[in-house]
N, C-alpha and C. Protein backbone atom coordinates (compact mmCIF):
# COMPACT_ATOMS: atom_id res chain seq x y z
N UNK A 1 0.83 -1.18 0.00
CA UNK A 1 0.00 0.00 0.00
C UNK A 1 0.87 1.25 0.00
N UNK A 2 0.39 2.25 -0.74
CA UNK A 2 1.11 3.53 -0.78
C UNK A 2 0.13 4.67 -0.52
N UNK A 3 0.64 5.71 0.08
CA UNK A 3 -0.14 6.92 0.29
C UNK A 3 0.57 8.03 -0.48
N UNK A 4 -0.14 8.64 -1.42
CA UNK A 4 0.40 9.74 -2.23
C UNK A 4 -0.43 11.00 -1.99
N UNK A 5 0.18 12.14 -2.21
CA UNK A 5 -0.47 13.42 -1.99
C UNK A 5 -0.44 14.23 -3.28
N UNK A 6 -1.56 14.89 -3.61
CA UNK A 6 -1.52 15.84 -4.71
C UNK A 6 -0.54 16.96 -4.33
N UNK A 7 0.09 17.60 -5.31
CA UNK A 7 1.07 18.65 -5.00
C UNK A 7 0.49 19.76 -4.12
N UNK A 8 -0.75 20.14 -4.35
CA UNK A 8 -1.33 21.21 -3.54
C UNK A 8 -1.54 20.80 -2.08
N UNK A 9 -1.74 19.52 -1.84
CA UNK A 9 -1.86 19.03 -0.46
C UNK A 9 -0.48 19.02 0.18
N UNK A 10 0.52 18.58 -0.55
CA UNK A 10 1.89 18.60 -0.02
C UNK A 10 2.29 20.02 0.37
N UNK A 11 1.91 20.99 -0.43
CA UNK A 11 2.22 22.39 -0.15
C UNK A 11 1.54 22.86 1.14
N UNK A 12 0.37 22.30 1.44
CA UNK A 12 -0.34 22.67 2.66
C UNK A 12 0.48 22.41 3.92
N UNK A 13 1.30 21.37 3.91
CA UNK A 13 2.09 21.06 5.09
C UNK A 13 3.12 22.16 5.36
N UNK A 14 3.69 22.71 4.31
CA UNK A 14 4.64 23.82 4.44
C UNK A 14 3.90 25.05 4.96
N UNK A 15 2.78 25.35 4.33
CA UNK A 15 2.00 26.52 4.72
C UNK A 15 1.45 26.38 6.14
N UNK A 16 1.10 25.17 6.54
CA UNK A 16 0.58 24.93 7.88
C UNK A 16 1.58 25.36 8.95
N UNK A 17 2.82 24.97 8.79
CA UNK A 17 3.85 25.35 9.77
C UNK A 17 3.98 26.87 9.84
N UNK A 18 3.96 27.52 8.69
CA UNK A 18 4.07 28.98 8.66
C UNK A 18 2.89 29.64 9.37
N UNK A 19 1.69 29.16 9.11
CA UNK A 19 0.49 29.73 9.72
C UNK A 19 0.50 29.53 11.23
N UNK A 20 0.84 28.32 11.67
CA UNK A 20 0.85 28.03 13.11
C UNK A 20 1.81 28.95 13.85
N UNK A 21 2.94 29.22 13.24
CA UNK A 21 3.94 30.09 13.87
C UNK A 21 3.55 31.57 13.77
N UNK A 22 3.20 32.02 12.56
CA UNK A 22 2.91 33.44 12.35
C UNK A 22 1.67 33.92 13.10
N UNK A 23 0.67 33.06 13.24
CA UNK A 23 -0.55 33.46 13.95
C UNK A 23 -0.44 33.21 15.45
N UNK A 24 0.68 32.69 15.89
CA UNK A 24 0.90 32.51 17.32
C UNK A 24 0.25 31.29 17.94
N UNK A 25 -0.22 30.34 17.12
CA UNK A 25 -0.77 29.10 17.66
C UNK A 25 0.33 28.28 18.33
N UNK A 26 1.52 28.35 17.75
CA UNK A 26 2.71 27.72 18.34
C UNK A 26 3.80 28.79 18.40
N UNK A 27 4.50 28.83 19.52
CA UNK A 27 5.44 29.93 19.80
C UNK A 27 6.77 29.83 19.08
N UNK A 28 7.14 28.63 18.66
CA UNK A 28 8.45 28.45 18.04
C UNK A 28 8.28 27.81 16.66
N UNK A 29 9.06 28.29 15.71
CA UNK A 29 8.99 27.75 14.35
C UNK A 29 9.33 26.26 14.33
N UNK A 30 10.31 25.84 15.13
CA UNK A 30 10.66 24.42 15.19
C UNK A 30 9.47 23.57 15.63
N UNK A 31 8.70 24.08 16.59
CA UNK A 31 7.53 23.36 17.08
C UNK A 31 6.46 23.28 15.99
N UNK A 32 6.27 24.37 15.27
CA UNK A 32 5.29 24.39 14.18
C UNK A 32 5.69 23.41 13.07
N UNK A 33 6.97 23.38 12.74
CA UNK A 33 7.45 22.44 11.73
C UNK A 33 7.26 21.00 12.19
N UNK A 34 7.54 20.72 13.45
CA UNK A 34 7.36 19.36 13.98
C UNK A 34 5.89 18.95 13.95
N UNK A 35 5.00 19.87 14.29
CA UNK A 35 3.55 19.58 14.23
C UNK A 35 3.17 19.18 12.80
N UNK A 36 3.57 19.98 11.84
CA UNK A 36 3.25 19.72 10.44
C UNK A 36 3.86 18.39 9.97
N UNK A 37 5.12 18.17 10.30
CA UNK A 37 5.78 16.92 9.92
C UNK A 37 5.13 15.71 10.58
N UNK A 38 4.73 15.87 11.83
CA UNK A 38 4.07 14.79 12.55
C UNK A 38 2.73 14.43 11.90
N UNK A 39 1.97 15.44 11.51
CA UNK A 39 0.71 15.20 10.82
C UNK A 39 0.96 14.48 9.50
N UNK A 40 1.94 14.93 8.74
CA UNK A 40 2.28 14.28 7.48
C UNK A 40 2.64 12.80 7.70
N UNK A 41 3.52 12.54 8.66
CA UNK A 41 3.93 11.15 8.95
C UNK A 41 2.75 10.29 9.38
N UNK A 42 1.90 10.86 10.21
CA UNK A 42 0.74 10.12 10.70
C UNK A 42 -0.17 9.72 9.54
N UNK A 43 -0.43 10.65 8.64
CA UNK A 43 -1.27 10.35 7.48
C UNK A 43 -0.59 9.31 6.59
N UNK A 44 0.67 9.53 6.32
CA UNK A 44 1.43 8.64 5.42
C UNK A 44 1.47 7.19 5.93
N UNK A 45 1.62 7.03 7.25
CA UNK A 45 1.78 5.68 7.80
C UNK A 45 0.48 5.02 8.22
N UNK A 46 -0.54 5.81 8.60
CA UNK A 46 -1.72 5.14 9.16
C UNK A 46 -3.01 5.31 8.35
N UNK A 47 -3.01 6.10 7.29
CA UNK A 47 -4.24 6.27 6.51
C UNK A 47 -4.84 4.94 6.05
N UNK A 48 -4.05 4.01 5.54
CA UNK A 48 -4.66 2.75 5.07
C UNK A 48 -5.39 1.97 6.17
N UNK A 49 -5.00 2.15 7.43
CA UNK A 49 -5.64 1.41 8.52
C UNK A 49 -6.79 2.18 9.18
N UNK A 50 -6.95 3.43 8.84
CA UNK A 50 -7.97 4.27 9.48
C UNK A 50 -9.37 3.88 9.03
N UNK A 51 -10.32 4.01 9.95
CA UNK A 51 -11.72 3.87 9.59
C UNK A 51 -12.05 5.07 8.71
N UNK A 52 -12.72 4.83 7.61
CA UNK A 52 -13.06 5.94 6.73
C UNK A 52 -14.53 5.87 6.32
N UNK A 53 -15.02 7.04 5.95
CA UNK A 53 -16.41 7.20 5.53
C UNK A 53 -16.45 7.83 4.14
N UNK A 54 -17.59 7.67 3.50
CA UNK A 54 -17.78 8.34 2.20
C UNK A 54 -17.91 9.83 2.46
N UNK A 55 -17.19 10.62 1.68
CA UNK A 55 -17.23 12.07 1.82
C UNK A 55 -18.56 12.61 1.29
N UNK A 56 -19.14 13.56 2.01
CA UNK A 56 -20.38 14.19 1.52
C UNK A 56 -20.16 14.89 0.17
N UNK A 57 -21.24 15.08 -0.55
CA UNK A 57 -21.19 15.67 -1.89
C UNK A 57 -20.53 17.06 -1.90
N UNK A 58 -20.59 17.80 -0.80
CA UNK A 58 -19.98 19.13 -0.74
C UNK A 58 -18.50 19.07 -1.12
N UNK A 59 -17.84 17.96 -0.84
CA UNK A 59 -16.41 17.82 -1.09
C UNK A 59 -16.08 17.35 -2.51
N UNK A 60 -17.09 17.13 -3.35
CA UNK A 60 -16.86 16.71 -4.73
C UNK A 60 -16.04 17.73 -5.52
N UNK A 61 -15.98 18.96 -5.05
CA UNK A 61 -15.18 19.99 -5.73
C UNK A 61 -13.69 19.64 -5.70
N UNK A 62 -13.30 18.74 -4.80
CA UNK A 62 -11.90 18.34 -4.67
C UNK A 62 -11.62 16.98 -5.31
N UNK A 63 -12.66 16.26 -5.65
CA UNK A 63 -12.53 14.94 -6.26
C UNK A 63 -13.82 14.16 -6.09
N UNK A 64 -14.14 13.37 -7.04
CA UNK A 64 -15.40 12.61 -7.00
C UNK A 64 -15.23 11.32 -6.21
N UNK A 65 -16.31 10.93 -5.56
CA UNK A 65 -16.39 9.63 -4.86
C UNK A 65 -15.23 9.41 -3.89
N UNK A 66 -14.96 10.41 -3.10
CA UNK A 66 -13.87 10.32 -2.12
C UNK A 66 -14.36 9.74 -0.80
N UNK A 67 -13.39 9.36 -0.01
CA UNK A 67 -13.59 8.96 1.37
C UNK A 67 -12.86 9.97 2.24
N UNK A 68 -13.14 9.92 3.54
CA UNK A 68 -12.36 10.75 4.45
C UNK A 68 -12.09 9.99 5.74
N UNK A 69 -11.00 10.36 6.38
CA UNK A 69 -10.61 9.80 7.67
C UNK A 69 -10.18 10.96 8.56
N UNK A 70 -10.27 10.75 9.87
CA UNK A 70 -9.92 11.82 10.80
C UNK A 70 -8.63 11.50 11.54
N UNK A 71 -7.91 12.57 11.86
CA UNK A 71 -6.64 12.49 12.60
C UNK A 71 -6.71 13.51 13.72
N UNK A 72 -6.78 13.03 14.96
CA UNK A 72 -6.87 13.91 16.12
C UNK A 72 -5.46 14.30 16.55
N UNK A 73 -5.17 15.60 16.49
CA UNK A 73 -3.83 16.06 16.86
C UNK A 73 -3.78 16.63 18.27
N UNK A 74 -4.87 17.16 18.75
CA UNK A 74 -4.94 17.64 20.14
C UNK A 74 -6.41 17.77 20.51
N UNK A 75 -6.69 18.26 21.71
CA UNK A 75 -8.08 18.29 22.16
C UNK A 75 -8.93 19.31 21.40
N UNK A 76 -8.31 20.21 20.66
CA UNK A 76 -9.05 21.23 19.93
C UNK A 76 -9.11 21.01 18.42
N UNK A 77 -8.19 20.23 17.88
CA UNK A 77 -8.09 20.14 16.42
C UNK A 77 -8.09 18.70 15.93
N UNK A 78 -8.99 18.46 14.99
CA UNK A 78 -9.05 17.20 14.27
C UNK A 78 -8.86 17.53 12.80
N UNK A 79 -7.96 16.82 12.16
CA UNK A 79 -7.72 16.99 10.72
C UNK A 79 -8.52 15.95 9.97
N UNK A 80 -9.11 16.36 8.86
CA UNK A 80 -9.86 15.46 7.99
C UNK A 80 -9.12 15.37 6.67
N UNK A 81 -8.86 14.13 6.26
CA UNK A 81 -8.11 13.85 5.05
C UNK A 81 -9.06 13.19 4.06
N UNK A 82 -9.14 13.76 2.86
CA UNK A 82 -10.06 13.30 1.83
C UNK A 82 -9.25 12.65 0.72
N UNK A 83 -9.67 11.46 0.30
CA UNK A 83 -8.85 10.67 -0.60
C UNK A 83 -9.67 9.72 -1.45
N UNK A 84 -9.03 9.23 -2.50
CA UNK A 84 -9.56 8.14 -3.32
C UNK A 84 -8.63 6.95 -3.15
N UNK A 85 -9.18 5.78 -3.40
CA UNK A 85 -8.40 4.54 -3.33
C UNK A 85 -8.41 3.92 -4.72
N UNK A 86 -7.22 3.58 -5.21
CA UNK A 86 -7.06 2.97 -6.53
C UNK A 86 -6.25 1.69 -6.41
N UNK A 87 -6.45 0.81 -7.36
CA UNK A 87 -5.61 -0.37 -7.51
C UNK A 87 -4.72 -0.12 -8.72
N UNK A 88 -3.42 -0.11 -8.52
CA UNK A 88 -2.47 0.14 -9.59
C UNK A 88 -1.45 -0.99 -9.61
N UNK A 89 -1.48 -1.79 -10.65
CA UNK A 89 -0.53 -2.90 -10.76
C UNK A 89 -0.58 -3.85 -9.58
N UNK A 90 -1.77 -4.09 -9.05
CA UNK A 90 -1.92 -5.00 -7.92
C UNK A 90 -1.63 -4.36 -6.57
N UNK A 91 -1.31 -3.07 -6.56
CA UNK A 91 -1.01 -2.36 -5.31
C UNK A 91 -2.14 -1.37 -5.01
N UNK A 92 -2.52 -1.26 -3.75
CA UNK A 92 -3.53 -0.29 -3.34
C UNK A 92 -2.84 1.05 -3.10
N UNK A 93 -3.39 2.09 -3.76
CA UNK A 93 -2.83 3.44 -3.65
C UNK A 93 -3.91 4.36 -3.09
N UNK A 94 -3.55 5.08 -2.04
CA UNK A 94 -4.42 6.09 -1.44
C UNK A 94 -3.93 7.44 -1.94
N UNK A 95 -4.78 8.16 -2.67
CA UNK A 95 -4.40 9.47 -3.20
C UNK A 95 -5.13 10.55 -2.40
N UNK A 96 -4.36 11.30 -1.61
CA UNK A 96 -4.92 12.37 -0.78
C UNK A 96 -5.13 13.59 -1.67
N UNK A 97 -6.39 14.04 -1.75
CA UNK A 97 -6.77 15.14 -2.63
C UNK A 97 -7.02 16.44 -1.89
N UNK A 98 -7.33 16.34 -0.59
CA UNK A 98 -7.68 17.54 0.17
C UNK A 98 -7.55 17.22 1.65
N UNK A 99 -7.21 18.23 2.43
CA UNK A 99 -7.24 18.07 3.88
C UNK A 99 -7.60 19.41 4.50
N UNK A 100 -8.28 19.32 5.61
CA UNK A 100 -8.65 20.51 6.35
C UNK A 100 -8.94 20.09 7.79
N UNK A 101 -9.26 21.06 8.63
CA UNK A 101 -9.52 20.70 10.02
C UNK A 101 -10.94 21.04 10.44
N UNK A 102 -11.27 20.64 11.66
CA UNK A 102 -12.62 20.83 12.16
C UNK A 102 -13.02 22.30 12.24
N UNK A 103 -12.07 23.20 12.36
CA UNK A 103 -12.38 24.62 12.45
C UNK A 103 -12.90 25.16 11.11
N UNK A 104 -12.62 24.45 10.03
CA UNK A 104 -12.97 24.92 8.69
C UNK A 104 -14.11 24.11 8.07
N UNK A 105 -14.10 22.78 8.20
CA UNK A 105 -15.04 21.96 7.43
C UNK A 105 -16.03 21.14 8.25
N UNK A 106 -15.99 21.22 9.56
CA UNK A 106 -16.86 20.36 10.38
C UNK A 106 -18.34 20.51 10.01
N UNK A 107 -18.75 21.72 9.65
CA UNK A 107 -20.16 21.94 9.34
C UNK A 107 -20.61 21.18 8.08
N UNK A 108 -19.67 20.73 7.27
CA UNK A 108 -20.01 20.01 6.04
C UNK A 108 -19.95 18.49 6.21
N UNK A 109 -19.60 18.04 7.41
CA UNK A 109 -19.50 16.61 7.69
C UNK A 109 -20.64 16.17 8.60
N UNK A 110 -21.00 14.93 8.48
CA UNK A 110 -22.01 14.35 9.38
C UNK A 110 -21.24 13.69 10.52
N UNK A 111 -20.94 14.47 11.54
CA UNK A 111 -20.13 13.98 12.64
C UNK A 111 -21.00 13.44 13.76
N UNK A 112 -20.51 12.36 14.37
CA UNK A 112 -21.20 11.80 15.53
C UNK A 112 -21.00 12.74 16.71
N UNK A 113 -22.01 12.90 17.51
CA UNK A 113 -21.91 13.77 18.67
C UNK A 113 -21.12 13.12 19.79
């Protein structure tokens, strides 16, 4: 199994560290970079094992017939990763097309209370 990211999603990890530091969510750039790298590693290594759901139609703007999985990073933030699954040469490939957090997209998901 492989997990691949669209280029624009890969760029989000760089931008995430910058935003976390510049907006004061994390006080040190090294800490912001580690947060972003940790999220990337977590998605890369555990996405295939995560429970996933069919993404609501609102997310079709990022790709058709996607699934999503959640990644809890702390008590305030959950990241949602939207992806398609393909079989390529007998190998399962997870293609991450979009990611966002609960502060931005929760209202578009059917979340359990």
